């Protein structure tokens, strides 16, 4: 499992090099590979749940404003 850190570092380095020479597809591919490797580690296993709860909080905060419910949105119509 100690080699995963080296693989993540090499993926980020590859993404940086691809971005520096303006190869967007390679930079995206290396970045996604680094993200997948990070989520595979014990430290990154909570990341999908944290992102999901963050998106849920944003959704629950913006739904009354976007739905037109003036009582919850604070808009007096």
C-alpha atoms as a PDB file:
ATOM      1  CA  UNK A   1       0.000   0.000   0.000  1.00  0.00           C
ATOM      2  CA  UNK A   2       2.996   2.324   0.352  1.00  0.00           C
ATOM      3  CA  UNK A   3       3.439   2.400  -3.428  1.00  0.00           C
ATOM      4  CA  UNK A   4       0.033   4.050  -3.846  1.00  0.00           C
ATOM      5  CA  UNK A   5       1.467   7.356  -2.653  1.00  0.00           C
ATOM      6  CA  UNK A   6       4.156   7.188  -5.310  1.00  0.00           C
ATOM      7  CA  UNK A   7       1.544   6.369  -7.958  1.00  0.00           C
ATOM      8  CA  UNK A   8      -0.593   9.316  -6.878  1.00  0.00           C
ATOM      9  CA  UNK A   9       2.427  11.612  -6.997  1.00  0.00           C
ATOM     10  CA  UNK A  10       3.407  10.358 -10.458  1.00  0.00           C
ATOM     11  CA  UNK A  11      -0.182  10.833 -11.691  1.00  0.00           C
ATOM     12  CA  UNK A  12      -0.240  14.405 -10.419  1.00  0.00           C
ATOM     13  CA  UNK A  13       3.174  15.029 -11.976  1.00  0.00           C
ATOM     14  CA  UNK A  14       1.901  13.629 -15.290  1.00  0.00           C
ATOM     15  CA  UNK A  15      -1.168  15.872 -15.073  1.00  0.00           C
ATOM     16  CA  UNK A  16       1.049  18.890 -14.416  1.00  0.00           C
ATOM     17  CA  UNK A  17       3.316  18.069 -17.347  1.00  0.00           C
ATOM     18  CA  UNK A  18       0.357  17.532 -19.676  1.00  0.00           C
ATOM     19  CA  UNK A  19      -1.194  20.811 -18.556  1.00  0.00           C
ATOM     20  CA  UNK A  20       2.115  22.608 -19.054  1.00  0.00           C
ATOM     21  CA  UNK A  21       2.383  21.424 -22.673  1.00  0.00           C
ATOM     22  CA  UNK A  22      -1.353  22.103 -23.198  1.00  0.00           C
ATOM     23  CA  UNK A  23      -2.575  18.540 -23.665  1.00  0.00           C
ATOM     24  CA  UNK A  24      -5.922  18.801 -21.925  1.00  0.00           C
ATOM     25  CA  UNK A  25      -6.984  15.188 -22.458  1.00  0.00           C
ATOM     26  CA  UNK A  26      -3.828  13.821 -20.869  1.00  0.00           C
ATOM     27  CA  UNK A  27      -4.107  16.202 -17.926  1.00  0.00           C
ATOM     28  CA  UNK A  28      -7.705  15.159 -17.295  1.00  0.00           C
ATOM     29  CA  UNK A  29      -6.821  11.467 -17.591  1.00  0.00           C
ATOM     30  CA  UNK A  30      -3.901  11.741 -15.156  1.00  0.00           C
ATOM     31  CA  UNK A  31      -6.004  13.787 -12.728  1.00  0.00           C
ATOM     32  CA  UNK A  32      -8.812  11.226 -12.771  1.00  0.00           C
ATOM     33  CA  UNK A  33      -6.293   8.435 -12.234  1.00  0.00           C
ATOM     34  CA  UNK A  34      -4.875  10.284  -9.223  1.00  0.00           C
ATOM     35  CA  UNK A  35      -8.380  10.817  -7.838  1.00  0.00           C
ATOM     36  CA  UNK A  36      -9.268   7.137  -8.215  1.00  0.00           C
ATOM     37  CA  UNK A  37      -6.018   6.110  -6.539  1.00  0.00           C
ATOM     38  CA  UNK A  38      -6.659   8.571  -3.694  1.00  0.00           C
ATOM     39  CA  UNK A  39     -10.178   7.256  -3.109  1.00  0.00           C
ATOM     40  CA  UNK A  40      -8.742   3.716  -2.998  1.00  0.00           C
ATOM     41  CA  UNK A  41      -6.623   4.638   0.035  1.00  0.00           C
ATOM     42  CA  UNK A  42      -8.029   4.490   3.580  1.00  0.00           C
ATOM     43  CA  UNK A  43      -7.664   8.260   3.918  1.00  0.00           C
ATOM     44  CA  UNK A  44      -9.732   8.972   0.798  1.00  0.00           C
ATOM     45  CA  UNK A  45     -12.538   6.496   1.398  1.00  0.00           C
ATOM     46  CA  UNK A  46     -14.696   9.130   3.093  1.00  0.00           C
ATOM     47  CA  UNK A  47     -14.372  11.568   0.185  1.00  0.00           C
ATOM     48  CA  UNK A  48     -17.418  10.416  -1.847  1.00  0.00           C
ATOM     49  CA  UNK A  49     -19.661  10.597   1.234  1.00  0.00           C
ATOM     50  CA  UNK A  50     -18.335  14.058   2.124  1.00  0.00           C
ATOM     51  CA  UNK A  51     -18.970  15.335  -1.406  1.00  0.00           C
ATOM     52  CA  UNK A  52     -22.461  13.817  -1.359  1.00  0.00           C
ATOM     53  CA  UNK A  53     -23.385  15.487   1.923  1.00  0.00           C
ATOM     54  CA  UNK A  54     -21.997  18.815   0.673  1.00  0.00           C
ATOM     55  CA  UNK A  55     -24.048  18.637  -2.531  1.00  0.00           C
ATOM     56  CA  UNK A  56     -27.122  17.634  -0.515  1.00  0.00           C
ATOM     57  CA  UNK A  57     -26.670  20.657   1.773  1.00  0.00           C
ATOM     58  CA  UNK A  58     -26.348  22.984  -1.227  1.00  0.00           C
ATOM     59  CA  UNK A  59     -29.426  21.406  -2.830  1.00  0.00           C
ATOM     60  CA  UNK A  60     -31.548  21.704   0.301  1.00  0.00           C
ATOM     61  CA  UNK A  61     -30.489  25.344   0.742  1.00  0.00           C
ATOM     62  CA  UNK A  62     -31.213  26.356  -2.849  1.00  0.00           C
ATOM     63  CA  UNK A  63     -34.431  24.410  -3.479  1.00  0.00           C
ATOM     64  CA  UNK A  64     -36.764  26.886  -1.705  1.00  0.00           C
ATOM     65  CA  UNK A  65     -35.235  29.825  -3.574  1.00  0.00           C
ATOM     66  CA  UNK A  66     -35.455  28.122  -6.953  1.00  0.00           C
ATOM     67  CA  UNK A  67     -38.862  26.546  -6.385  1.00  0.00           C
ATOM     68  CA  UNK A  68     -40.663  29.849  -5.936  1.00  0.00           C
ATOM     69  CA  UNK A  69     -41.811  29.178  -2.371  1.00  0.00           C
ATOM     70  CA  UNK A  70     -41.781  32.766  -1.110  1.00  0.00           C
ATOM     71  CA  UNK A  71     -42.278  31.807   2.534  1.00  0.00           C
ATOM     72  CA  UNK A  72     -38.995  29.924   2.641  1.00  0.00           C
ATOM     73  CA  UNK A  73     -37.090  31.997   0.103  1.00  0.00           C
ATOM     74  CA  UNK A  74     -37.488  35.277   1.955  1.00  0.00           C
ATOM     75  CA  UNK A  75     -39.110  36.977  -1.045  1.00  0.00           C
ATOM     76  CA  UNK A  76     -42.306  38.916  -0.434  1.00  0.00           C
ATOM     77  CA  UNK A  77     -44.563  38.619  -3.485  1.00  0.00           C
END
